[in-house]
Protein backbone atom coordinates (compact mmCIF):
# COMPACT_ATOMS: atom_id res chain seq x y z
CA MET A 1 -44.42 -3.53 -18.66
CA ARG A 2 -46.32 -6.84 -17.77
CA ILE A 3 -46.02 -8.21 -14.27
CA LEU A 4 -47.17 -11.46 -12.76
CA ALA A 5 -48.93 -11.24 -9.52
CA ASP A 6 -50.69 -13.88 -7.52
CA LEU A 7 -53.97 -12.89 -5.84
CA PRO A 8 -56.57 -14.84 -3.90
CA ASP A 9 -59.63 -15.89 -5.92
CA GLU A 10 -61.98 -13.61 -3.90
CA ASP A 11 -59.74 -10.66 -4.59
CA ILE A 12 -59.96 -11.45 -8.34
CA ALA A 13 -63.70 -11.72 -8.17
CA TRP A 14 -64.07 -8.33 -6.34
CA LEU A 15 -61.47 -6.68 -8.76
CA ASP A 16 -63.49 -8.04 -11.78
CA GLY A 17 -66.82 -6.70 -10.23
CA TYR A 18 -65.27 -3.32 -9.50
CA ALA A 19 -63.76 -3.02 -12.92
CA ALA A 20 -67.03 -3.78 -14.51
CA GLU A 21 -68.75 -1.18 -12.48
CA GLN A 22 -66.22 1.37 -13.53
CA GLY A 23 -66.35 0.34 -17.07
CA LYS A 24 -62.58 -0.31 -17.00
CA SER A 25 -60.42 -3.41 -17.47
CA ARG A 26 -58.91 -5.20 -14.54
CA ALA A 27 -55.45 -3.93 -15.64
CA ALA A 28 -56.70 -0.39 -15.75
CA VAL A 29 -58.03 -0.73 -12.13
CA ILE A 30 -54.79 -2.13 -10.92
CA ARG A 31 -52.77 0.69 -12.62
CA ASP A 32 -55.11 3.28 -11.00
CA ALA A 33 -54.57 1.61 -7.60
CA VAL A 34 -50.80 1.54 -7.85
CA THR A 35 -50.95 5.36 -8.95
CA ALA A 36 -53.10 6.32 -5.98
CA TYR A 37 -50.78 4.15 -3.59
CA ARG A 38 -47.64 6.00 -4.94
CA SER A 39 -49.13 9.36 -4.57
CA LYS A 40 -49.82 8.68 -0.79
CA HIS A 41 -46.34 7.27 -0.22
CA ARG A 42 -44.01 9.83 -1.48
CA ASP A 43 -40.98 10.75 0.59
CA TRP A 44 -41.26 13.69 2.97
CA LEU A 45 -39.25 16.02 0.83
CA GLU A 46 -41.37 15.31 -2.31
CA GLN A 47 -44.49 15.90 -0.30
CA GLY A 48 -43.44 19.07 1.09
CA PHE A 49 -41.48 20.71 -1.75
CA GLY A 50 -43.26 23.76 -3.03
CA LEU A 51 -46.24 23.34 -0.38
CA TRP A 52 -46.33 26.96 0.62
CA THR A 53 -46.18 28.15 -3.06
CA ARG A 54 -49.02 25.91 -3.98
CA TYR A 55 -51.29 27.40 -1.40
CA GLY A 56 -50.45 30.98 -2.06
CA GLN A 57 -47.92 31.58 0.72
CA GLY A 58 -44.78 31.69 -1.55
CA ALA A 59 -42.41 34.41 -1.66
CA ASP A 60 -39.34 35.12 -3.99
CA GLY A 61 -36.31 34.10 -1.94
CA ALA A 62 -34.18 37.07 -3.15
CA GLU A 63 -37.04 39.49 -2.10
CA TYR A 64 -37.26 37.80 1.32
CA GLU A 65 -33.56 38.00 1.94
CA ALA A 66 -33.43 41.63 0.89
CA GLU A 67 -36.24 42.47 3.37
CA ILE A 68 -34.53 40.72 6.15
CA ARG A 69 -31.13 42.38 5.34
CA LYS A 70 -32.90 45.81 5.31
CA ALA A 71 -34.47 44.95 8.74
CA TRP A 72 -30.86 44.18 10.02
CA ASP A 73 -29.60 47.39 8.67
CA THR A 74 -32.36 49.60 10.16
CA GLY A 75 -32.38 47.73 13.42
CA ASP A 76 -36.15 47.01 12.99
CA LEU A 77 -36.41 43.29 13.62
CA SER A 78 -39.95 43.19 14.62
C-alpha cells in the first residue's frame, strides 16, 4: 500500500544517503524502519508470550500440574 508522508528536506537527504550506503531504495529503508519500530512496540502480552519456552525454561502444563498435585497428595510441598 502506498502512503503519503511529509518529511523535512534534511531528513529526506539523510534518508537518501543512508539508502545509498545500504544499497536499498528509500522505500525499503522506510519499510525496515517501520518493521523495527513495530517489533519494539508490541503490547506486553505479545512480548512476554512464550518467553520462558524460548529460553529453555518451558514445561508442559499438564506435567507441571501433575507434579503439583502429587506434592499435595504426599504432603511434600518443598
